[in-house]
């Protein structure tokens, strides 16, 4: 698939060295802490990433959670080859050169419970996010869905993606999915003035679907979660 103009510069910067875990999840320590809490609290077993790019996020997940299997896809052959080479030898990573819809349809039927989806394939003009959510919806399993580069209202410290023509990654864009699935919704509210945050912040939305209410209530009362995220129960979005 040809690269859009905005991606050509990034493609030119692809290098063969090992991926950098410090760049995974944008180097955001609060988001990383939340991932650890969710992996433990919801007993996650699989992380499914769309949009491998250079492999930094997959590498972070694989190193941080060696007991989990990391499934990741990259549609562009340049980035796929680079990330495949950089992730070579990491036993708990499975990487595919597929578009995200084909990837999800191929692997989801064979996965058991305990999934976290990291949706970050929205670099191309078609913006596959809605189709990804539709496939996850069809699968109808309990899980955690993280949408990267999400617009967070009233939190200008968080960057986000806007592709024009109604393709800003925000609540309006995913409204149909939210109204259908009625997930719990978490949005970040922490700031750049916290001493431990040295990276550029990126917005994200966390959707928790089909998870038993007692488990969700206990999670929502975790102090670090309450301090860093707004939490909306189903029906309040």
Protein backbone atom coordinates (compact mmCIF):
# COMPACT_ATOMS: atom_id res chain seq x y z
CA UNK A 1 0.00 0.00 0.00
CA UNK A 2 1.51 3.39 -0.96
CA UNK A 3 2.43 5.68 1.89
CA UNK A 4 0.53 8.94 2.30
CA UNK A 5 2.77 12.02 2.04
CA UNK A 6 2.86 12.52 5.81
CA UNK A 7 4.28 9.02 6.27
CA UNK A 8 7.11 9.20 3.75
CA UNK A 9 9.41 11.05 6.14
CA UNK A 10 8.81 8.44 8.83
CA UNK A 11 9.51 5.63 6.38
CA UNK A 12 12.83 7.25 5.52
CA UNK A 13 13.76 7.16 9.22
CA UNK A 14 13.27 3.41 9.65
CA UNK A 15 16.43 1.91 11.10
CA UNK A 16 17.35 -1.71 11.90
CA UNK A 17 18.22 -1.30 15.59
CA UNK A 18 16.17 -2.77 18.41
CA UNK A 19 12.84 -1.12 19.24
CA UNK A 20 12.81 1.20 22.23
CA UNK A 21 10.54 0.28 25.11
CA UNK A 22 10.88 3.83 26.43
CA UNK A 23 8.93 5.02 23.38
CA UNK A 24 6.12 2.51 23.82
CA UNK A 25 2.83 4.06 24.94
CA UNK A 26 4.43 7.44 24.15
CA UNK A 27 6.66 7.11 27.19
CA UNK A 28 3.65 8.03 29.36
CA UNK A 29 4.21 6.66 32.91
CA UNK A 30 0.59 7.15 33.99
CA UNK A 31 -0.76 5.22 31.03
CA UNK A 32 1.83 2.49 31.59
CA UNK A 33 0.81 2.19 35.21
CA UNK A 34 -2.83 1.86 34.19
CA UNK A 35 -1.94 -0.94 31.74
CA UNK A 36 -0.27 -2.85 34.58
CA UNK A 37 -3.29 -2.35 36.84
CA UNK A 38 -5.67 -3.59 34.13
CA UNK A 39 -3.56 -6.60 33.21
CA UNK A 40 -3.59 -7.70 36.85
CA UNK A 41 -7.16 -6.70 37.75
CA UNK A 42 -8.84 -8.17 34.67
CA UNK A 43 -6.44 -11.14 34.37
CA UNK A 44 -5.58 -10.31 30.78
CA UNK A 45 -3.87 -12.92 28.61
CA UNK A 46 -3.66 -11.29 25.17
CA UNK A 47 -2.81 -7.82 23.88
CA UNK A 48 -4.05 -7.19 20.35
CA UNK A 49 -2.46 -4.17 18.64
CA UNK A 50 -3.45 -2.68 15.30
CA UNK A 51 -0.72 -0.55 13.74
CA UNK A 52 2.70 -1.96 14.67
CA UNK A 53 4.61 0.92 13.03
CA UNK A 54 8.22 0.49 14.28
CA UNK A 55 7.38 -2.00 17.02
CA UNK A 56 7.98 0.19 20.07
CA UNK A 57 4.59 -0.43 21.68
CA UNK A 58 4.66 -4.17 20.95
CA UNK A 59 8.16 -4.33 22.41
CA UNK A 60 7.08 -2.49 25.55
CA UNK A 61 4.11 -4.80 26.08
CA UNK A 62 6.21 -7.92 25.42
CA UNK A 63 8.90 -6.88 27.87
CA UNK A 64 6.52 -5.57 30.53
CA UNK A 65 4.18 -8.57 30.36
CA UNK A 66 6.20 -11.64 29.31
CA UNK A 67 3.37 -13.95 30.40
CA UNK A 68 1.00 -12.40 27.79
CA UNK A 69 0.89 -12.98 24.04
CA UNK A 70 1.19 -9.83 21.94
CA UNK A 71 -0.63 -9.92 18.59
CA UNK A 72 0.12 -7.02 16.24
CA UNK A 73 -0.44 -6.10 12.60
CA UNK A 74 1.05 -3.59 10.16
CA UNK A 75 -0.41 -3.03 6.69
CA UNK A 76 2.58 -1.20 5.20
CA UNK A 77 5.35 -3.52 4.06
CA UNK A 78 8.13 -1.04 4.87
CA UNK A 79 7.11 -0.77 8.50
CA UNK A 80 6.17 -4.45 8.73
CA UNK A 81 9.62 -5.60 7.60
CA UNK A 82 11.35 -3.15 9.89
CA UNK A 83 9.29 -4.08 12.94
CA UNK A 84 9.50 -7.82 12.17
CA UNK A 85 13.30 -7.58 12.11
CA UNK A 86 13.41 -5.46 15.23
CA UNK A 87 11.09 -7.81 17.15
CA UNK A 88 12.82 -10.98 15.96
CA UNK A 89 13.55 -13.40 18.77
CA UNK A 90 10.89 -12.06 21.16
CA UNK A 91 8.91 -15.20 21.79
CA UNK A 92 5.60 -13.73 22.93
CA UNK A 93 5.08 -11.45 19.90
CA UNK A 94 3.11 -12.47 16.80
CA UNK A 95 3.30 -9.96 13.94
CA UNK A 96 1.19 -9.94 10.77
CA UNK A 97 1.42 -8.02 7.48
CA UNK A 98 -2.34 -7.46 7.16
CA UNK A 99 -4.89 -4.68 7.25
CA UNK A 100 -6.46 -4.43 10.68
CA UNK A 101 -9.89 -5.79 9.74
CA UNK A 102 -8.44 -8.94 8.13
CA UNK A 103 -6.05 -9.33 11.06
CA UNK A 104 -8.82 -9.15 13.68
CA UNK A 105 -11.09 -11.50 11.77
CA UNK A 106 -8.26 -13.99 11.45
CA UNK A 107 -7.05 -14.13 15.04
CA UNK A 108 -10.02 -13.33 17.29
CA UNK A 109 -11.93 -16.61 16.85
CA UNK A 110 -8.93 -18.52 18.19
CA UNK A 111 -8.25 -16.35 21.24
CA UNK A 112 -9.64 -17.08 24.67
CA UNK A 113 -10.80 -14.62 27.31
CA UNK A 114 -8.70 -11.83 28.77
CA UNK A 115 -8.03 -9.42 25.91
CA UNK A 116 -6.79 -5.87 25.67
CA UNK A 117 -7.10 -4.16 22.28
CA UNK A 118 -4.70 -1.32 21.47
CA UNK A 119 -6.16 0.40 18.40
CA UNK A 120 -3.59 2.58 16.67
CA UNK A 121 -3.89 1.82 12.93
CA UNK A 122 -5.37 5.20 12.00
CA UNK A 123 -2.55 6.54 9.84
CA UNK A 124 -4.14 5.98 6.45
CA UNK A 125 -6.87 7.81 4.63
CA UNK A 126 -9.55 5.18 5.24
CA UNK A 127 -9.13 5.41 9.08
CA UNK A 128 -10.12 1.80 9.94
CA UNK A 129 -11.12 2.49 13.56
CA UNK A 130 -14.87 2.06 13.08
CA UNK A 131 -14.40 -1.20 11.22
CA UNK A 132 -12.07 -2.44 13.96
CA UNK A 133 -14.69 -1.65 16.59
CA UNK A 134 -17.35 -3.40 14.48
CA UNK A 135 -15.28 -6.60 14.33
CA UNK A 136 -14.65 -6.46 18.08
CA UNK A 137 -18.37 -5.88 18.60
CA UNK A 138 -19.23 -8.94 16.47
CA UNK A 139 -16.85 -11.07 18.51
CA UNK A 140 -18.82 -10.04 21.64
CA UNK A 141 -16.28 -11.03 24.30
CA UNK A 142 -15.35 -9.23 27.51
CA UNK A 143 -12.39 -6.98 26.96
CA UNK A 144 -10.54 -3.70 27.29
CA UNK A 145 -10.39 -1.44 24.24
CA UNK A 146 -7.83 1.38 24.17
CA UNK A 147 -8.11 3.92 21.34
CA UNK A 148 -4.90 5.88 20.90
CA UNK A 149 -4.64 9.52 19.69
CA UNK A 150 -8.11 10.32 21.03
CA UNK A 151 -9.45 13.86 21.51
CA UNK A 152 -10.03 14.48 25.23
CA UNK A 153 -12.43 17.40 25.87
CA UNK A 154 -11.15 20.19 28.11
CA UNK A 155 -7.71 18.60 28.35
CA UNK A 156 -5.54 20.49 25.83
CA UNK A 157 -2.33 18.84 27.11
CA UNK A 158 -3.30 15.67 25.21
CA UNK A 159 -2.55 15.49 21.49
CA UNK A 160 -4.97 13.77 19.13
CA UNK A 161 -5.47 12.85 15.47
CA UNK A 162 -7.78 14.71 13.08
CA UNK A 163 -7.90 13.57 9.45
CA UNK A 164 -10.56 16.05 8.35
CA UNK A 165 -13.96 15.39 6.77
CA UNK A 166 -15.43 14.21 10.06
CA UNK A 167 -12.54 11.90 10.90
CA UNK A 168 -11.35 13.39 14.17
CA UNK A 169 -10.76 10.57 16.65
CA UNK A 170 -13.25 11.61 19.33
CA UNK A 171 -16.47 10.62 21.12
CA UNK A 172 -18.70 11.67 18.25
CA UNK A 173 -16.72 9.46 15.89
CA UNK A 174 -17.30 6.34 18.00
CA UNK A 175 -20.84 7.23 19.16
CA UNK A 176 -22.52 4.31 17.38
CA UNK A 177 -20.24 1.80 19.07
CA UNK A 178 -20.68 3.37 22.50
CA UNK A 179 -24.48 3.46 22.17
CA UNK A 180 -24.53 -0.17 21.03
CA UNK A 181 -22.09 -1.70 23.52
CA UNK A 182 -22.66 0.67 26.49
CA UNK A 183 -19.12 0.22 27.86
CA UNK A 184 -17.55 1.87 30.85
CA UNK A 185 -15.51 4.82 29.54
CA UNK A 186 -12.26 6.23 30.93
CA UNK A 187 -10.64 9.45 29.73
CA UNK A 188 -7.36 10.86 31.10
CA UNK A 189 -7.28 14.02 33.18
CA UNK A 190 -3.70 14.16 34.49
CA UNK A 191 -1.42 17.01 33.55
CA UNK A 192 2.02 17.76 32.22
CA UNK A 193 3.06 19.41 35.49
CA UNK A 194 3.30 16.07 37.29
CA UNK A 195 7.05 15.54 37.92
CA UNK A 196 7.16 12.00 36.51
CA UNK A 197 5.75 13.01 33.11
CA UNK A 198 8.49 14.02 30.70
CA UNK A 199 6.99 12.81 27.42
CA UNK A 200 4.54 14.49 25.08
CA UNK A 201 1.09 13.34 26.10
CA UNK A 202 -1.33 11.73 23.64
CA UNK A 203 -5.03 11.40 24.27
CA UNK A 204 -6.64 8.00 24.61
CA UNK A 205 -10.00 6.50 25.45
CA UNK A 206 -10.45 3.26 27.35
CA UNK A 207 -13.64 1.29 26.80
CA UNK A 208 -14.39 -1.66 29.07
CA UNK A 209 -17.10 -3.91 27.71
CA UNK A 210 -18.99 -6.96 28.99
CA UNK A 211 -17.09 -6.92 32.29
CA UNK A 212 -19.07 -7.87 35.42
CA UNK A 213 -20.16 -4.84 37.44
CA UNK A 214 -18.52 -5.92 40.72
CA UNK A 215 -15.17 -6.21 38.95
CA UNK A 216 -15.65 -2.81 37.31
CA UNK A 217 -16.70 -1.11 40.54
CA UNK A 218 -13.62 -2.41 42.34
CA UNK A 219 -11.41 -1.22 39.46
CA UNK A 220 -13.03 2.23 39.36
CA UNK A 221 -12.31 2.70 43.08
CA UNK A 222 -8.59 2.14 42.68
CA UNK A 223 -7.01 5.39 43.92
CA UNK A 224 -4.52 5.76 41.09
CA UNK A 225 -7.30 5.23 38.53
CA UNK A 226 -9.63 7.72 40.21
CA UNK A 227 -6.84 10.30 40.46
CA UNK A 228 -5.82 10.14 36.80
CA UNK A 229 -9.03 9.35 34.87
CA UNK A 230 -12.62 10.41 34.60
CA UNK A 231 -14.80 7.32 34.78
CA UNK A 232 -18.24 7.10 33.20
CA UNK A 233 -20.53 4.16 33.87
CA UNK A 234 -22.68 2.71 31.06
CA UNK A 235 -25.53 4.95 30.00
CA UNK A 236 -23.86 8.15 31.20
CA UNK A 237 -21.98 8.89 27.97
